[in-house]
Amino acid sequence: QLGALRQQIPKIQAFPELERARQNIQ
């Protein structure tokens, strides 16, 4: 779901917490 959310954010660079959260989940 977080991967799908990443596609909805135009400027993903402004939201580095998202990718960090996905790494933490792994």
PDB file of all heavy atoms in Angstrom:
ATOM      1  N   GLN A   1       0.825  -1.205   0.000  1.00  0.00           N
ATOM      2  CA  GLN A   1       0.000   0.000   0.000  1.00  0.00           C
ATOM      3  C   GLN A   1       0.862   1.260   0.000  1.00  0.00           C
ATOM      4  O   GLN A   1       0.532   2.256  -0.665  1.00  0.00           O
ATOM      5  CB  GLN A   1      -0.927  -0.009   1.224  1.00  0.00           C
ATOM      6  CG  GLN A   1      -1.921   1.132   1.270  1.00  0.00           C
ATOM      7  CD  GLN A   1      -2.992   0.997   0.196  1.00  0.00           C
ATOM      8  OE1 GLN A   1      -3.230  -0.101  -0.325  1.00  0.00           O
ATOM      9  NE2 GLN A   1      -3.635   2.103  -0.149  1.00  0.00           N
ATOM     10  N   LEU A   2       1.966   1.219   0.722  1.00  0.00           N
ATOM     11  CA  LEU A   2       2.868   2.365   0.727  1.00  0.00           C
ATOM     12  C   LEU A   2       3.526   2.549  -0.645  1.00  0.00           C
ATOM     13  O   LEU A   2       3.832   3.676  -1.046  1.00  0.00           O
ATOM     14  CB  LEU A   2       3.933   2.207   1.808  1.00  0.00           C
ATOM     15  CG  LEU A   2       3.443   2.239   3.259  1.00  0.00           C
ATOM     16  CD1 LEU A   2       4.607   2.124   4.216  1.00  0.00           C
ATOM     17  CD2 LEU A   2       2.625   3.487   3.544  1.00  0.00           C
ATOM     18  N   GLY A   3       3.752   1.455  -1.343  1.00  0.00           N
ATOM     19  CA  GLY A   3       4.264   1.556  -2.700  1.00  0.00           C
ATOM     20  C   GLY A   3       3.273   2.232  -3.621  1.00  0.00           C
ATOM     21  O   GLY A   3       3.650   3.037  -4.489  1.00  0.00           O
ATOM     22  N   ALA A   4       1.973   1.934  -3.443  1.00  0.00           N
ATOM     23  CA  ALA A   4       0.947   2.607  -4.241  1.00  0.00           C
ATOM     24  C   ALA A   4       0.828   4.075  -3.858  1.00  0.00           C
ATOM     25  O   ALA A   4       0.591   4.936  -4.714  1.00  0.00           O
ATOM     26  CB  ALA A   4      -0.395   1.905  -4.051  1.00  0.00           C
ATOM     27  N   LEU A   5       1.017   4.356  -2.570  1.00  0.00           N
ATOM     28  CA  LEU A   5       0.961   5.743  -2.123  1.00  0.00           C
ATOM     29  C   LEU A   5       2.095   6.564  -2.724  1.00  0.00           C
ATOM     30  O   LEU A   5       1.916   7.760  -3.016  1.00  0.00           O
ATOM     31  CB  LEU A   5       1.021   5.786  -0.597  1.00  0.00           C
ATOM     32  CG  LEU A   5       1.008   7.168   0.065  1.00  0.00           C
ATOM     33  CD1 LEU A   5      -0.277   7.916  -0.276  1.00  0.00           C
ATOM     34  CD2 LEU A   5       1.173   7.037   1.576  1.00  0.00           C
ATOM     35  N   ARG A   6       3.219   5.932  -2.918  1.00  0.00           N
ATOM     36  CA  ARG A   6       4.352   6.631  -3.519  1.00  0.00           C
ATOM     37  C   ARG A   6       4.020   7.132  -4.923  1.00  0.00           C
ATOM     38  O   ARG A   6       4.496   8.182  -5.343  1.00  0.00           O
ATOM     39  CB  ARG A   6       5.560   5.692  -3.556  1.00  0.00           C
ATOM     40  CG  ARG A   6       6.831   6.304  -4.097  1.00  0.00           C
ATOM     41  CD  ARG A   6       7.979   5.337  -3.973  1.00  0.00           C
ATOM     42  NE  ARG A   6       7.686   4.044  -4.592  1.00  0.00           N
ATOM     43  CZ  ARG A   6       8.511   2.999  -4.557  1.00  0.00           C
ATOM     44  NH1 ARG A   6       9.655   3.084  -3.923  1.00  0.00           N
ATOM     45  NH2 ARG A   6       8.162   1.866  -5.147  1.00  0.00           N
ATOM     46  N   GLN A   7       3.192   6.397  -5.659  1.00  0.00           N
ATOM     47  CA  GLN A   7       2.820   6.815  -7.000  1.00  0.00           C
ATOM     48  C   GLN A   7       1.865   8.004  -6.995  1.00  0.00           C
ATOM     49  O   GLN A   7       1.709   8.687  -8.015  1.00  0.00           O
ATOM     50  CB  GLN A   7       2.170   5.637  -7.743  1.00  0.00           C
ATOM     51  CG  GLN A   7       3.024   4.373  -7.784  1.00  0.00           C
ATOM     52  CD  GLN A   7       4.342   4.577  -8.502  1.00  0.00           C
ATOM     53  OE1 GLN A   7       4.417   5.352  -9.469  1.00  0.00           O
ATOM     54  NE2 GLN A   7       5.398   3.902  -8.048  1.00  0.00           N
ATOM     55  N   GLN A   8       1.219   8.252  -5.854  1.00  0.00           N
ATOM     56  CA  GLN A   8       0.243   9.332  -5.783  1.00  0.00           C
ATOM     57  C   GLN A   8       0.861  10.665  -5.383  1.00  0.00           C
ATOM     58  O   GLN A   8       0.173  11.690  -5.416  1.00  0.00           O
ATOM     59  CB  GLN A   8      -0.855   8.967  -4.776  1.00  0.00           C
ATOM     60  CG  GLN A   8      -1.604   7.694  -5.118  1.00  0.00           C
ATOM     61  CD  GLN A   8      -2.578   7.289  -4.021  1.00  0.00           C
ATOM     62  OE1 GLN A   8      -2.792   8.035  -3.059  1.00  0.00           O
ATOM     63  NE2 GLN A   8      -3.172   6.111  -4.154  1.00  0.00           N
ATOM     64  N   ILE A   9       2.133  10.649  -4.982  1.00  0.00           N
ATOM     65  CA  ILE A   9       2.786  11.874  -4.524  1.00  0.00           C
ATOM     66  C   ILE A   9       3.683  12.391  -5.642  1.00  0.00           C
ATOM     67  O   ILE A   9       4.644  11.716  -6.025  1.00  0.00           O
ATOM     68  CB  ILE A   9       3.596  11.610  -3.250  1.00  0.00           C
ATOM     69  CG1 ILE A   9       2.657  11.108  -2.143  1.00  0.00           C
ATOM     70  CG2 ILE A   9       4.332  12.861  -2.799  1.00  0.00           C
ATOM     71  CD1 ILE A   9       3.353  10.757  -0.861  1.00  0.00           C
ATOM     72  N   PRO A  10       3.393  13.558  -6.210  1.00  0.00           N
ATOM     73  CA  PRO A  10       4.194  14.067  -7.340  1.00  0.00           C
ATOM     74  C   PRO A  10       5.658  14.280  -6.979  1.00  0.00           C
ATOM     75  O   PRO A  10       6.549  13.840  -7.711  1.00  0.00           O
ATOM     76  CB  PRO A  10       3.490  15.388  -7.688  1.00  0.00           C
ATOM     77  CG  PRO A  10       2.126  15.276  -7.102  1.00  0.00           C
ATOM     78  CD  PRO A  10       2.270  14.437  -5.883  1.00  0.00           C
ATOM     79  N   LYS A  11       5.907  14.934  -5.863  1.00  0.00           N
ATOM     80  CA  LYS A  11       7.273  15.231  -5.446  1.00  0.00           C
ATOM     81  C   LYS A  11       7.655  14.299  -4.299  1.00  0.00           C
ATOM     82  O   LYS A  11       7.555  14.652  -3.124  1.00  0.00           O
ATOM     83  CB  LYS A  11       7.404  16.694  -5.034  1.00  0.00           C
ATOM     84  CG  LYS A  11       7.127  17.681  -6.171  1.00  0.00           C
ATOM     85  CD  LYS A  11       7.285  19.111  -5.691  1.00  0.00           C
ATOM     86  CE  LYS A  11       7.021  20.097  -6.820  1.00  0.00           C
ATOM     87  NZ  LYS A  11       7.163  21.511  -6.375  1.00  0.00           N
ATOM     88  N   ILE A  12       8.051  13.081  -4.655  1.00  0.00           N
ATOM     89  CA  ILE A  12       8.370  12.085  -3.651  1.00  0.00           C
ATOM     90  C   ILE A  12       9.613  12.478  -2.859  1.00  0.00           C
ATOM     91  O   ILE A  12       9.821  12.022  -1.728  1.00  0.00           O
ATOM     92  CB  ILE A  12       8.550  10.695  -4.303  1.00  0.00           C
ATOM     93  CG1 ILE A  12       8.568   9.589  -3.237  1.00  0.00           C
ATOM     94  CG2 ILE A  12       9.805  10.670  -5.159  1.00  0.00           C
ATOM     95  CD1 ILE A  12       7.294   9.474  -2.446  1.00  0.00           C
ATOM     96  N   GLN A  13      10.459  13.360  -3.427  1.00  0.00           N
ATOM     97  CA  GLN A  13      11.655  13.792  -2.709  1.00  0.00           C
ATOM     98  C   GLN A  13      11.291  14.572  -1.450  1.00  0.00           C
ATOM     99  O   GLN A  13      12.074  14.617  -0.498  1.00  0.00           O
ATOM    100  CB  GLN A  13      12.539  14.665  -3.613  1.00  0.00           C
ATOM    101  CG  GLN A  13      13.113  13.947  -4.828  1.00  0.00           C
ATOM    102  CD  GLN A  13      12.125  13.879  -5.983  1.00  0.00           C
ATOM    103  OE1 GLN A  13      11.004  14.397  -5.878  1.00  0.00           O
ATOM    104  NE2 GLN A  13      12.532  13.239  -7.073  1.00  0.00           N
ATOM    105  N   ALA A  14      10.103  15.160  -1.444  1.00  0.00           N
ATOM    106  CA  ALA A  14       9.660  15.909  -0.271  1.00  0.00           C
ATOM    107  C   ALA A  14       9.113  15.009   0.824  1.00  0.00           C
ATOM    108  O   ALA A  14       8.729  15.502   1.890  1.00  0.00           O
ATOM    109  CB  ALA A  14       8.599  16.937  -0.670  1.00  0.00           C
ATOM    110  N   PHE A  15       9.065  13.708   0.572  1.00  0.00           N
ATOM    111  CA  PHE A  15       8.508  12.761   1.548  1.00  0.00           C
ATOM    112  C   PHE A  15       9.463  11.584   1.718  1.00  0.00           C
ATOM    113  O   PHE A  15       9.122  10.438   1.425  1.00  0.00           O
ATOM    114  CB  PHE A  15       7.135  12.293   1.067  1.00  0.00           C
ATOM    115  CG  PHE A  15       6.313  11.605   2.124  1.00  0.00           C
ATOM    116  CD1 PHE A  15       6.526  11.822   3.471  1.00  0.00           C
ATOM    117  CD2 PHE A  15       5.308  10.727   1.747  1.00  0.00           C
ATOM    118  CE1 PHE A  15       5.771  11.184   4.424  1.00  0.00           C
ATOM    119  CE2 PHE A  15       4.541  10.090   2.688  1.00  0.00           C
ATOM    120  CZ  PHE A  15       4.768  10.316   4.039  1.00  0.00           C
ATOM    121  N   PRO A  16      10.674  11.817   2.224  1.00  0.00           N
ATOM    122  CA  PRO A  16      11.639  10.710   2.372  1.00  0.00           C
ATOM    123  C   PRO A  16      11.223   9.698   3.432  1.00  0.00           C
ATOM    124  O   PRO A  16      11.701   8.557   3.429  1.00  0.00           O
ATOM    125  CB  PRO A  16      12.937  11.425   2.774  1.00  0.00           C
ATOM    126  CG  PRO A  16      12.479  12.694   3.425  1.00  0.00           C
ATOM    127  CD  PRO A  16      11.232  13.098   2.708  1.00  0.00           C
ATOM    128  N   GLU A  17      10.329  10.088   4.325  1.00  0.00           N
ATOM    129  CA  GLU A  17       9.882   9.171   5.372  1.00  0.00           C
ATOM    130  C   GLU A  17       9.156   7.959   4.796  1.00  0.00           C
ATOM    131  O   GLU A  17       9.125   6.892   5.433  1.00  0.00           O
ATOM    132  CB  GLU A  17       8.957   9.902   6.356  1.00  0.00           C
ATOM    133  CG  GLU A  17       9.629  10.983   7.169  1.00  0.00           C
ATOM    134  CD  GLU A  17       9.698  12.305   6.438  1.00  0.00           C
ATOM    135  OE1 GLU A  17       9.214  12.358   5.270  1.00  0.00           O
ATOM    136  OE2 GLU A  17      10.205  13.281   7.014  1.00  0.00           O
ATOM    137  N   LEU A  18       8.579   8.108   3.614  1.00  0.00           N
ATOM    138  CA  LEU A  18       7.826   7.006   3.018  1.00  0.00           C
ATOM    139  C   LEU A  18       8.741   5.837   2.666  1.00  0.00           C
ATOM    140  O   LEU A  18       8.471   4.681   3.033  1.00  0.00           O
ATOM    141  CB  LEU A  18       7.078   7.487   1.779  1.00  0.00           C
ATOM    142  CG  LEU A  18       6.242   6.434   1.048  1.00  0.00           C
ATOM    143  CD1 LEU A  18       5.176   5.861   1.971  1.00  0.00           C
ATOM    144  CD2 LEU A  18       5.603   7.035  -0.196  1.00  0.00           C
ATOM    145  N   GLU A  19       9.824   6.117   1.958  1.00  0.00           N
ATOM    146  CA  GLU A  19      10.743   5.046   1.582  1.00  0.00           C
ATOM    147  C   GLU A  19      11.434   4.479   2.807  1.00  0.00           C
ATOM    148  O   GLU A  19      11.699   3.271   2.883  1.00  0.00           O
ATOM    149  CB  GLU A  19      11.773   5.578   0.584  1.00  0.00           C
ATOM    150  CG  GLU A  19      12.632   4.495  -0.050  1.00  0.00           C
ATOM    151  CD  GLU A  19      11.798   3.480  -0.820  1.00  0.00           C
ATOM    152  OE1 GLU A  19      10.738   3.862  -1.367  1.00  0.00           O
ATOM    153  OE2 GLU A  19      12.208   2.303  -0.863  1.00  0.00           O
ATOM    154  N   ARG A  20      11.711   5.327   3.786  1.00  0.00           N
ATOM    155  CA  ARG A  20      12.316   4.844   5.021  1.00  0.00           C
ATOM    156  C   ARG A  20      11.371   3.896   5.760  1.00  0.00           C
ATOM    157  O   ARG A  20      11.796   2.889   6.325  1.00  0.00           O
ATOM    158  CB  ARG A  20      12.684   6.028   5.917  1.00  0.00           C
ATOM    159  CG  ARG A  20      13.571   5.664   7.099  1.00  0.00           C
ATOM    160  CD  ARG A  20      13.912   6.892   7.928  1.00  0.00           C
ATOM    161  NE  ARG A  20      14.520   7.925   7.100  1.00  0.00           N
ATOM    162  CZ  ARG A  20      14.054   9.161   7.002  1.00  0.00           C
ATOM    163  NH1 ARG A  20      12.968   9.521   7.670  1.00  0.00           N
ATOM    164  NH2 ARG A  20      14.670  10.049   6.242  1.00  0.00           N
ATOM    165  N   ALA A  21      10.076   4.213   5.712  1.00  0.00           N
ATOM    166  CA  ALA A  21       9.090   3.341   6.358  1.00  0.00           C
ATOM    167  C   ALA A  21       9.013   1.987   5.660  1.00  0.00           C
ATOM    168  O   ALA A  21       8.893   0.945   6.321  1.00  0.00           O
ATOM    169  CB  ALA A  21       7.721   4.017   6.352  1.00  0.00           C
ATOM    170  N   ARG A  22       9.095   1.980   4.351  1.00  0.00           N
ATOM    171  CA  ARG A  22       9.060   0.714   3.613  1.00  0.00           C
ATOM    172  C   ARG A  22      10.288  -0.138   3.934  1.00  0.00           C
ATOM    173  O   ARG A  22      10.202  -1.365   4.054  1.00  0.00           O
ATOM    174  CB  ARG A  22       8.958   0.975   2.108  1.00  0.00           C
ATOM    175  CG  ARG A  22       7.697   1.719   1.705  1.00  0.00           C
ATOM    176  CD  ARG A  22       7.587   1.902   0.202  1.00  0.00           C
ATOM    177  NE  ARG A  22       7.051   0.710  -0.433  1.00  0.00           N
ATOM    178  CZ  ARG A  22       7.617   0.062  -1.439  1.00  0.00           C
ATOM    179  NH1 ARG A  22       8.799   0.479  -1.905  1.00  0.00           N
ATOM    180  NH2 ARG A  22       7.056  -0.990  -1.980  1.00  0.00           N
ATOM    181  N   GLN A  23      11.436   0.502   4.086  1.00  0.00           N
ATOM    182  CA  GLN A  23      12.634  -0.238   4.466  1.00  0.00           C
ATOM    183  C   GLN A  23      12.514  -0.792   5.879  1.00  0.00           C
ATOM    184  O   GLN A  23      12.939  -1.927   6.148  1.00  0.00           O
ATOM    185  CB  GLN A  23      13.861   0.669   4.341  1.00  0.00           C
ATOM    186  CG  GLN A  23      14.176   1.096   2.912  1.00  0.00           C
ATOM    187  CD  GLN A  23      15.312   2.095   2.841  1.00  0.00           C
ATOM    188  OE1 GLN A  23      15.868   2.511   3.861  1.00  0.00           O
ATOM    189  NE2 GLN A  23      15.673   2.507   1.631  1.00  0.00           N
ATOM    190  N   ASN A  24      11.930  -0.012   6.781  1.00  0.00           N
ATOM    191  CA  ASN A  24      11.738  -0.489   8.155  1.00  0.00           C
ATOM    192  C   ASN A  24      10.792  -1.686   8.193  1.00  0.00           C
ATOM    193  O   ASN A  24      10.982  -2.623   8.981  1.00  0.00           O
ATOM    194  CB  ASN A  24      11.192   0.639   9.035  1.00  0.00           C
ATOM    195  CG  ASN A  24      12.213   1.738   9.261  1.00  0.00           C
ATOM    196  OD1 ASN A  24      13.418   1.515   9.143  1.00  0.00           O
ATOM    197  ND2 ASN A  24      11.739   2.927   9.593  1.00  0.00           N
ATOM    198  N   ILE A  25       9.763  -1.635   7.352  1.00  0.00           N
ATOM    199  CA  ILE A  25       8.816  -2.746   7.308  1.00  0.00           C
ATOM    200  C   ILE A  25       9.513  -4.023   6.847  1.00  0.00           C
ATOM    201  O   ILE A  25       9.280  -5.112   7.389  1.00  0.00           O
ATOM    202  CB  ILE A  25       7.635  -2.399   6.385  1.00  0.00           C
ATOM    203  CG1 ILE A  25       6.744  -1.355   7.052  1.00  0.00           C
ATOM    204  CG2 ILE A  25       6.816  -3.641   6.044  1.00  0.00           C
ATOM    205  CD1 ILE A  25       5.613  -0.862   6.179  1.00  0.00           C
ATOM    206  N   GLN A  26      10.387  -3.899   5.850  1.00  0.00           N
ATOM    207  CA  GLN A  26      11.131  -5.064   5.395  1.00  0.00           C
ATOM    208  C   GLN A  26      12.016  -5.622   6.518  1.00  0.00           C
ATOM    209  O   GLN A  26      12.134  -6.838   6.679  1.00  0.00           O
ATOM    210  CB  GLN A  26      11.992  -4.697   4.186  1.00  0.00           C
ATOM    211  CG  GLN A  26      11.193  -4.445   2.914  1.00  0.00           C
ATOM    212  CD  GLN A  26      10.556  -5.705   2.368  1.00  0.00           C
ATOM    213  OE1 GLN A  26       9.554  -6.188   2.893  1.00  0.00           O
ATOM    214  NE2 GLN A  26      11.122  -6.244   1.312  1.00  0.00           N
TER     215      GLN A  26
END
